[in-house]
Amino acid sequence: MAKAPKTLAVIELDVTDAKQLTKAVRALAKECAIIKAAHAYVGVPEWRTRAGDYAGLARIIAFQQLSTKAAGTIWGRVEVLLGKVTPKAVLAADIDALRACGLSRPKIAHIRSIAEAVESGALNLRRVAKASDADAQAELVAVKGIGPWTADVYLMFCLGRWDVFPHADIGLSEAYRMISGERKRHPPKKFLRTGERWRPYRGVAAHMLWSYINAARDAQRGGA
């Protein structure tokens, strides 16, 4: 197992800073051939963050299991319908109107459940933002509608956490398989162990793997 890179002090890492993110990626690439290959293919893509609020969390739910283009269209309709995506606005919205935006009934149920938790104080996103990764994950998944993947993605792209690893994500394990040349994807538990080699920058590694597979798929579609 490769040692954790020491090129960049963890406390200094701001993933939204291109220079710092580049240093972290290079540190990982120096230690790991998988990240080195991803880096060679995609460079260092921008780490795009969203607001760490209810809207950011609801957006993650809306985008699940959809193409970025399709999800973006649906989310745009939701924003037009609600004006501003807040817990109160979602709870006051007509369910059929939300369905007309393109949201599935399960996703509507999830974002409403989360809205109720925020409104009641059961979920305090300000507290989540100040909590450790483990404590933040625990508070998020305690809410109906928020699973481990949603919690991890929220921490990464709404709060800028760099050592969160959504190990059950098929896209990540497929990217690893493609680069490594292995025949099968690692199952979640094994992939979680695989990700240990990337501490304390597992989120950065995940960002690179996602970027790699998105670019590879775009290239495949372009060549079809």
C-alpha atoms as a PDB file:
ATOM      1  CA  MET A   1       0.000   0.000   0.000  1.00  0.00           C
ATOM      2  CA  ALA A   2       1.346   3.395  -0.953  1.00  0.00           C
ATOM      3  CA  LYS A   3       2.115   5.840   1.804  1.00  0.00           C
ATOM      4  CA  ALA A   4      -0.098   8.896   2.183  1.00  0.00           C
ATOM      5  CA  PRO A   5       1.452  11.800   0.275  1.00  0.00           C
ATOM      6  CA  LYS A   6       3.143  14.438   2.370  1.00  0.00           C
ATOM      7  CA  THR A   7       3.709  17.106  -0.268  1.00  0.00           C
ATOM      8  CA  LEU A   8       0.826  19.244   0.941  1.00  0.00           C
ATOM      9  CA  ALA A   9      -0.229  19.844   4.530  1.00  0.00           C
ATOM     10  CA  VAL A  10      -3.830  18.776   4.903  1.00  0.00           C
ATOM     11  CA  ILE A  11      -4.856  21.823   6.916  1.00  0.00           C
ATOM     12  CA  GLU A  12      -3.793  24.089   4.041  1.00  0.00           C
ATOM     13  CA  LEU A  13      -5.829  22.383   1.339  1.00  0.00           C
ATOM     14  CA  ASP A  14      -8.596  24.436  -0.235  1.00  0.00           C
ATOM     15  CA  VAL A  15      -9.948  22.335  -3.090  1.00  0.00           C
ATOM     16  CA  THR A  16     -11.480  25.397  -4.748  1.00  0.00           C
ATOM     17  CA  ASP A  17      -7.995  26.902  -5.107  1.00  0.00           C
ATOM     18  CA  ALA A  18      -6.602  25.628  -8.422  1.00  0.00           C
ATOM     19  CA  LYS A  19      -2.978  25.809  -7.292  1.00  0.00           C
ATOM     20  CA  GLN A  20      -3.598  23.912  -4.071  1.00  0.00           C
ATOM     21  CA  LEU A  21      -5.735  21.312  -5.825  1.00  0.00           C
ATOM     22  CA  THR A  22      -2.995  20.821  -8.415  1.00  0.00           C
ATOM     23  CA  LYS A  23      -0.439  20.242  -5.652  1.00  0.00           C
ATOM     24  CA  ALA A  24      -2.683  17.641  -4.049  1.00  0.00           C
ATOM     25  CA  VAL A  25      -3.267  15.849  -7.366  1.00  0.00           C
ATOM     26  CA  ARG A  26       0.449  15.812  -8.123  1.00  0.00           C
ATOM     27  CA  ALA A  27       1.168  14.465  -4.655  1.00  0.00           C
ATOM     28  CA  LEU A  28      -1.294  11.637  -5.244  1.00  0.00           C
ATOM     29  CA  ALA A  29      -0.002  10.981  -8.763  1.00  0.00           C
ATOM     30  CA  LYS A  30       3.510  10.647  -7.405  1.00  0.00           C
ATOM     31  CA  GLU A  31       2.356   7.898  -5.046  1.00  0.00           C
ATOM     32  CA  CYS A  32      -0.276   6.134  -7.184  1.00  0.00           C
ATOM     33  CA  ALA A  33      -0.128   5.002 -10.812  1.00  0.00           C
ATOM     34  CA  ILE A  34      -3.939   5.082 -11.072  1.00  0.00           C
ATOM     35  CA  ILE A  35      -4.160   8.772 -10.221  1.00  0.00           C
ATOM     36  CA  LYS A  36      -1.096   9.442 -12.355  1.00  0.00           C
ATOM     37  CA  ALA A  37      -2.922   7.972 -15.358  1.00  0.00           C
ATOM     38  CA  ALA A  38      -6.082   9.950 -14.608  1.00  0.00           C
ATOM     39  CA  HIS A  39      -4.023  13.118 -14.251  1.00  0.00           C
ATOM     40  CA  ALA A  40      -2.324  12.492 -17.594  1.00  0.00           C
ATOM     41  CA  TYR A  41      -5.721  12.068 -19.262  1.00  0.00           C
ATOM     42  CA  VAL A  42      -7.739  14.926 -17.753  1.00  0.00           C
ATOM     43  CA  GLY A  43      -5.241  17.270 -16.135  1.00  0.00           C
ATOM     44  CA  VAL A  44      -6.666  18.890 -13.000  1.00  0.00           C
ATOM     45  CA  PRO A  45     -10.362  19.673 -13.561  1.00  0.00           C
ATOM     46  CA  GLU A  46     -11.919  22.476 -11.554  1.00  0.00           C
ATOM     47  CA  TRP A  47     -13.528  21.433  -8.277  1.00  0.00           C
ATOM     48  CA  ARG A  48     -16.946  23.021  -8.639  1.00  0.00           C
ATOM     49  CA  THR A  49     -18.666  23.693  -5.351  1.00  0.00           C
ATOM     50  CA  ARG A  50     -22.296  24.418  -4.533  1.00  0.00           C
ATOM     51  CA  ALA A  51     -23.766  26.268  -1.587  1.00  0.00           C
ATOM     52  CA  GLY A  52     -23.759  24.231   1.609  1.00  0.00           C
ATOM     53  CA  ASP A  53     -27.446  24.783   2.206  1.00  0.00           C
ATOM     54  CA  TYR A  54     -30.732  22.985   1.662  1.00  0.00           C
ATOM     55  CA  ALA A  55     -30.752  23.839  -2.047  1.00  0.00           C
ATOM     56  CA  GLY A  56     -27.335  22.262  -2.499  1.00  0.00           C
ATOM     57  CA  LEU A  57     -28.510  19.087  -0.802  1.00  0.00           C
ATOM     58  CA  ALA A  58     -31.781  18.943  -2.750  1.00  0.00           C
ATOM     59  CA  ARG A  59     -29.881  19.453  -5.993  1.00  0.00           C
ATOM     60  CA  ILE A  60     -27.767  16.376  -5.297  1.00  0.00           C
ATOM     61  CA  ILE A  61     -30.943  14.342  -4.841  1.00  0.00           C
ATOM     62  CA  ALA A  62     -32.368  15.681  -8.106  1.00  0.00           C
ATOM     63  CA  PHE A  63     -29.208  14.843 -10.044  1.00  0.00           C
ATOM     64  CA  GLN A  64     -28.912  11.237  -8.855  1.00  0.00           C
ATOM     65  CA  GLN A  65     -28.847   8.557 -11.561  1.00  0.00           C
ATOM     66  CA  LEU A  66     -29.404  11.055 -14.373  1.00  0.00           C
ATOM     67  CA  SER A  67     -27.161  12.566 -17.008  1.00  0.00           C
ATOM     68  CA  THR A  68     -25.882  16.018 -16.138  1.00  0.00           C
ATOM     69  CA  LYS A  69     -27.815  17.500 -19.059  1.00  0.00           C
ATOM     70  CA  ALA A  70     -31.144  15.882 -18.144  1.00  0.00           C
ATOM     71  CA  ALA A  71     -30.766  16.657 -14.454  1.00  0.00           C
ATOM     72  CA  GLY A  72     -29.821  20.249 -15.210  1.00  0.00           C
ATOM     73  CA  THR A  73     -32.980  20.704 -17.247  1.00  0.00           C
ATOM     74  CA  ILE A  74     -35.141  19.295 -14.454  1.00  0.00           C
ATOM     75  CA  TRP A  75     -33.427  21.379 -11.797  1.00  0.00           C
ATOM     76  CA  GLY A  76     -33.834  24.503 -13.891  1.00  0.00           C
ATOM     77  CA  ARG A  77     -37.576  23.897 -14.003  1.00  0.00           C
ATOM     78  CA  VAL A  78     -37.649  23.422 -10.233  1.00  0.00           C
ATOM     79  CA  GLU A  79     -35.875  26.752  -9.748  1.00  0.00           C
ATOM     80  CA  VAL A  80     -38.339  28.487 -12.063  1.00  0.00           C
ATOM     81  CA  LEU A  81     -41.269  26.935 -10.198  1.00  0.00           C
ATOM     82  CA  LEU A  82     -40.035  27.777  -6.710  1.00  0.00           C
ATOM     83  CA  GLY A  83     -38.118  30.970  -7.378  1.00  0.00           C
ATOM     84  CA  LYS A  84     -35.683  30.058  -4.624  1.00  0.00           C
ATOM     85  CA  VAL A  85     -35.251  26.469  -3.488  1.00  0.00           C
ATOM     86  CA  THR A  86     -35.852  26.538   0.264  1.00  0.00           C
ATOM     87  CA  PRO A  87     -37.426  24.045   2.665  1.00  0.00           C
ATOM     88  CA  LYS A  88     -40.539  26.207   3.003  1.00  0.00           C
ATOM     89  CA  ALA A  89     -40.906  26.601  -0.757  1.00  0.00           C
ATOM     90  CA  VAL A  90     -40.603  22.859  -1.348  1.00  0.00           C
ATOM     91  CA  LEU A  91     -43.096  21.987   1.383  1.00  0.00           C
ATOM     92  CA  ALA A  92     -45.563  24.552   0.041  1.00  0.00           C
ATOM     93  CA  ALA A  93     -45.214  23.403  -3.572  1.00  0.00           C
ATOM     94  CA  ASP A  94     -47.848  21.268  -5.238  1.00  0.00           C
ATOM     95  CA  ILE A  95     -46.527  17.737  -5.709  1.00  0.00           C
ATOM     96  CA  ASP A  96     -47.998  17.488  -9.189  1.00  0.00           C
ATOM     97  CA  ALA A  97     -46.189  20.702 -10.106  1.00  0.00           C
ATOM     98  CA  LEU A  98     -42.914  19.200  -8.898  1.00  0.00           C
ATOM     99  CA  ARG A  99     -43.677  16.066 -10.883  1.00  0.00           C
ATOM    100  CA  ALA A 100     -44.266  18.224 -13.953  1.00  0.00           C
ATOM    101  CA  CYS A 101     -40.725  19.557 -13.540  1.00  0.00           C
ATOM    102  CA  GLY A 102     -39.474  16.016 -14.080  1.00  0.00           C
ATOM    103  CA  LEU A 103     -38.783  14.949 -10.503  1.00  0.00           C
ATOM    104  CA  SER A 104     -39.743  11.372  -9.692  1.00  0.00           C
ATOM    105  CA  ARG A 105     -42.065  10.681  -6.777  1.00  0.00           C
ATOM    106  CA  PRO A 106     -39.276   9.092  -4.683  1.00  0.00           C
ATOM    107  CA  LYS A 107     -37.055  12.140  -5.208  1.00  0.00           C
ATOM    108  CA  ILE A 108     -39.899  14.471  -4.260  1.00  0.00           C
ATOM    109  CA  ALA A 109     -40.456  12.417  -1.113  1.00  0.00           C
ATOM    110  CA  HIS A 110     -36.748  12.661  -0.290  1.00  0.00           C
ATOM    111  CA  ILE A 111     -36.413  16.414  -0.760  1.00  0.00           C
ATOM    112  CA  ARG A 112     -39.610  16.965   1.223  1.00  0.00           C
ATOM    113  CA  SER A 113     -38.355  14.734   4.037  1.00  0.00           C
ATOM    114  CA  ILE A 114     -35.117  16.700   4.141  1.00  0.00           C
ATOM    115  CA  ALA A 115     -37.048  19.979   4.059  1.00  0.00           C
ATOM    116  CA  GLU A 116     -39.105  18.850   7.046  1.00  0.00           C
ATOM    117  CA  ALA A 117     -35.936  17.898   8.932  1.00  0.00           C
ATOM    118  CA  VAL A 118     -34.359  21.293   8.254  1.00  0.00           C
ATOM    119  CA  GLU A 119     -37.524  23.177   9.200  1.00  0.00           C
ATOM    120  CA  SER A 120     -37.950  21.217  12.440  1.00  0.00           C
ATOM    121  CA  GLY A 121     -34.308  21.612  13.390  1.00  0.00           C
ATOM    122  CA  ALA A 122     -33.675  17.875  13.275  1.00  0.00           C
ATOM    123  CA  LEU A 123     -31.084  18.621  10.585  1.00  0.00           C
ATOM    124  CA  ASN A 124     -28.902  21.647  11.241  1.00  0.00           C
ATOM    125  CA  LEU A 125     -26.753  22.273   8.188  1.00  0.00           C
ATOM    126  CA  ARG A 126     -24.698  24.940   9.947  1.00  0.00           C
ATOM    127  CA  ARG A 127     -23.787  22.375  12.575  1.00  0.00           C
ATOM    128  CA  VAL A 128     -23.004  19.860   9.845  1.00  0.00           C
ATOM    129  CA  ALA A 129     -20.642  22.356   8.196  1.00  0.00           C
ATOM    130  CA  LYS A 130     -18.629  22.678  11.412  1.00  0.00           C
ATOM    131  CA  ALA A 131     -18.594  18.973  12.262  1.00  0.00           C
ATOM    132  CA  SER A 132     -15.903  16.424  11.475  1.00  0.00           C
ATOM    133  CA  ASP A 133     -16.411  14.318   8.366  1.00  0.00           C
ATOM    134  CA  ALA A 134     -17.619  11.341  10.410  1.00  0.00           C
ATOM    135  CA  ASP A 135     -19.992  13.371  12.579  1.00  0.00           C
ATOM    136  CA  ALA A 136     -21.342  15.263   9.567  1.00  0.00           C
ATOM    137  CA  GLN A 137     -21.999  12.019   7.703  1.00  0.00           C
ATOM    138  CA  ALA A 138     -23.771  10.547  10.723  1.00  0.00           C
ATOM    139  CA  GLU A 139     -26.047  13.570  11.105  1.00  0.00           C
ATOM    140  CA  LEU A 140     -26.907  13.619   7.419  1.00  0.00           C
ATOM    141  CA  VAL A 141     -27.724   9.922   7.016  1.00  0.00           C
ATOM    142  CA  ALA A 142     -29.946  10.046  10.100  1.00  0.00           C
ATOM    143  CA  VAL A 143     -32.449  11.922   7.925  1.00  0.00           C
ATOM    144  CA  LYS A 144     -34.802   9.893   5.745  1.00  0.00           C
ATOM    145  CA  GLY A 145     -33.912  10.494   2.119  1.00  0.00           C
ATOM    146  CA  ILE A 146     -30.176  10.982   2.685  1.00  0.00           C
ATOM    147  CA  GLY A 147     -28.014   7.932   2.057  1.00  0.00           C
ATOM    148  CA  PRO A 148     -24.236   7.568   2.440  1.00  0.00           C
ATOM    149  CA  TRP A 149     -23.595   8.533  -1.192  1.00  0.00           C
ATOM    150  CA  THR A 150     -25.660  11.719  -0.922  1.00  0.00           C
ATOM    151  CA  ALA A 151     -23.931  12.616   2.337  1.00  0.00           C
ATOM    152  CA  ASP A 152     -20.477  12.073   0.854  1.00  0.00           C
ATOM    153  CA  VAL A 153     -21.204  14.109  -2.273  1.00  0.00           C
ATOM    154  CA  TYR A 154     -22.650  16.928  -0.153  1.00  0.00           C
ATOM    155  CA  LEU A 155     -19.520  16.998   1.993  1.00  0.00           C
ATOM    156  CA  MET A 156     -17.281  17.017  -1.066  1.00  0.00           C
ATOM    157  CA  PHE A 157     -19.000  19.487  -3.336  1.00  0.00           C
ATOM    158  CA  CYS A 158     -20.990  21.674  -0.947  1.00  0.00           C
ATOM    159  CA  LEU A 159     -18.554  21.798   1.969  1.00  0.00           C
ATOM    160  CA  GLY A 160     -15.264  21.234   0.122  1.00  0.00           C
ATOM    161  CA  ARG A 161     -14.137  18.232   2.180  1.00  0.00           C
ATOM    162  CA  TRP A 162     -11.125  16.579   0.547  1.00  0.00           C
ATOM    163  CA  ASP A 163     -10.903  13.216   2.354  1.00  0.00           C
ATOM    164  CA  VAL A 164     -14.430  11.886   1.750  1.00  0.00           C
ATOM    165  CA  PHE A 165     -14.692   8.792  -0.438  1.00  0.00           C
ATOM    166  CA  PRO A 166     -18.036   7.604  -1.933  1.00  0.00           C
ATOM    167  CA  HIS A 167     -16.774   4.032  -2.185  1.00  0.00           C
ATOM    168  CA  ALA A 168     -20.110   2.576  -3.364  1.00  0.00           C
ATOM    169  CA  ASP A 169     -20.206   4.812  -6.447  1.00  0.00           C
ATOM    170  CA  ILE A 170     -20.153   2.638  -9.570  1.00  0.00           C
ATOM    171  CA  GLY A 171     -18.587   5.379 -11.665  1.00  0.00           C
ATOM    172  CA  LEU A 172     -15.573   5.579  -9.366  1.00  0.00           C
ATOM    173  CA  SER A 173     -15.001   1.829  -9.257  1.00  0.00           C
ATOM    174  CA  GLU A 174     -15.469   1.601 -13.034  1.00  0.00           C
ATOM    175  CA  ALA A 175     -12.907   4.358 -13.599  1.00  0.00           C
ATOM    176  CA  TYR A 176     -10.475   2.468 -11.374  1.00  0.00           C
ATOM    177  CA  ARG A 177     -11.155  -0.743 -13.320  1.00  0.00           C
ATOM    178  CA  MET A 178     -10.639   0.973 -16.663  1.00  0.00           C
ATOM    179  CA  ILE A 179      -7.309   2.490 -15.668  1.00  0.00           C
ATOM    180  CA  SER A 180      -6.010  -0.569 -13.833  1.00  0.00           C
ATOM    181  CA  GLY A 181      -7.042  -2.982 -16.573  1.00  0.00           C
ATOM    182  CA  GLU A 182      -8.742  -5.284 -14.095  1.00  0.00           C
ATOM    183  CA  ARG A 183     -11.585  -7.426 -15.421  1.00  0.00           C
ATOM    184  CA  LYS A 184     -14.123  -6.617 -12.714  1.00  0.00           C
ATOM    185  CA  ARG A 185     -14.999  -3.608 -10.595  1.00  0.00           C
ATOM    186  CA  HIS A 186     -14.095  -3.737  -6.934  1.00  0.00           C
ATOM    187  CA  PRO A 187     -17.176  -4.333  -4.747  1.00  0.00           C
ATOM    188  CA  PRO A 188     -17.872  -1.455  -2.320  1.00  0.00           C
ATOM    189  CA  LYS A 189     -16.145  -2.935   0.745  1.00  0.00           C
ATOM    190  CA  LYS A 190     -13.025  -3.781  -1.215  1.00  0.00           C
ATOM    191  CA  PHE A 191     -13.051  -0.394  -2.929  1.00  0.00           C
ATOM    192  CA  LEU A 192     -13.257   1.300   0.469  1.00  0.00           C
ATOM    193  CA  ARG A 193     -10.055  -0.530   1.416  1.00  0.00           C
ATOM    194  CA  THR A 194      -8.527   0.406  -1.933  1.00  0.00           C
ATOM    195  CA  GLY A 195      -9.253   4.053  -1.213  1.00  0.00           C
ATOM    196  CA  GLU A 196      -7.213   3.971   1.989  1.00  0.00           C
ATOM    197  CA  ARG A 197      -4.066   4.411  -0.090  1.00  0.00           C
ATOM    198  CA  TRP A 198      -5.265   7.896  -1.025  1.00  0.00           C
ATOM    199  CA  ARG A 199      -5.637   9.274   2.483  1.00  0.00           C
ATOM    200  CA  PRO A 200      -5.669  12.117   3.379  1.00  0.00           C
ATOM    201  CA  TYR A 201      -6.858  13.119  -0.104  1.00  0.00           C
ATOM    202  CA  ARG A 202      -9.455  10.466  -0.921  1.00  0.00           C
ATOM    203  CA  GLY A 203     -11.928  13.081  -2.110  1.00  0.00           C
ATOM    204  CA  VAL A 204      -9.331  14.484  -4.480  1.00  0.00           C
ATOM    205  CA  ALA A 205      -8.740  10.970  -5.824  1.00  0.00           C
ATOM    206  CA  ALA A 206     -12.498  10.527  -6.285  1.00  0.00           C
ATOM    207  CA  HIS A 207     -12.671  13.847  -8.142  1.00  0.00           C
ATOM    208  CA  MET A 208      -9.951  12.659 -10.512  1.00  0.00           C
ATOM    209  CA  LEU A 209     -11.604   9.282 -11.120  1.00  0.00           C
ATOM    210  CA  TRP A 210     -14.979  10.897 -11.837  1.00  0.00           C
ATOM    211  CA  SER A 211     -13.316  13.347 -14.200  1.00  0.00           C
ATOM    212  CA  TYR A 212     -11.536  10.496 -15.942  1.00  0.00           C
ATOM    213  CA  ILE A 213     -14.613   8.366 -16.553  1.00  0.00           C
ATOM    214  CA  ASN A 214     -16.685  11.356 -17.692  1.00  0.00           C
ATOM    215  CA  ALA A 215     -13.992  12.308 -20.196  1.00  0.00           C
ATOM    216  CA  ALA A 216     -13.611   8.696 -21.349  1.00  0.00           C
ATOM    217  CA  ARG A 217     -17.350   8.335 -21.894  1.00  0.00           C
ATOM    218  CA  ASP A 218     -17.499  11.632 -23.766  1.00  0.00           C
ATOM    219  CA  ALA A 219     -14.691  10.398 -26.010  1.00  0.00           C
ATOM    220  CA  GLN A 220     -16.530   7.127 -26.644  1.00  0.00           C
ATOM    221  CA  ARG A 221     -19.726   8.955 -27.573  1.00  0.00           C
ATOM    222  CA  GLY A 222     -17.797  11.287 -29.831  1.00  0.00           C
ATOM    223  CA  GLY A 223     -16.222   8.381 -31.649  1.00  0.00           C
ATOM    224  CA  ALA A 224     -19.446   6.437 -32.015  1.00  0.00           C
END
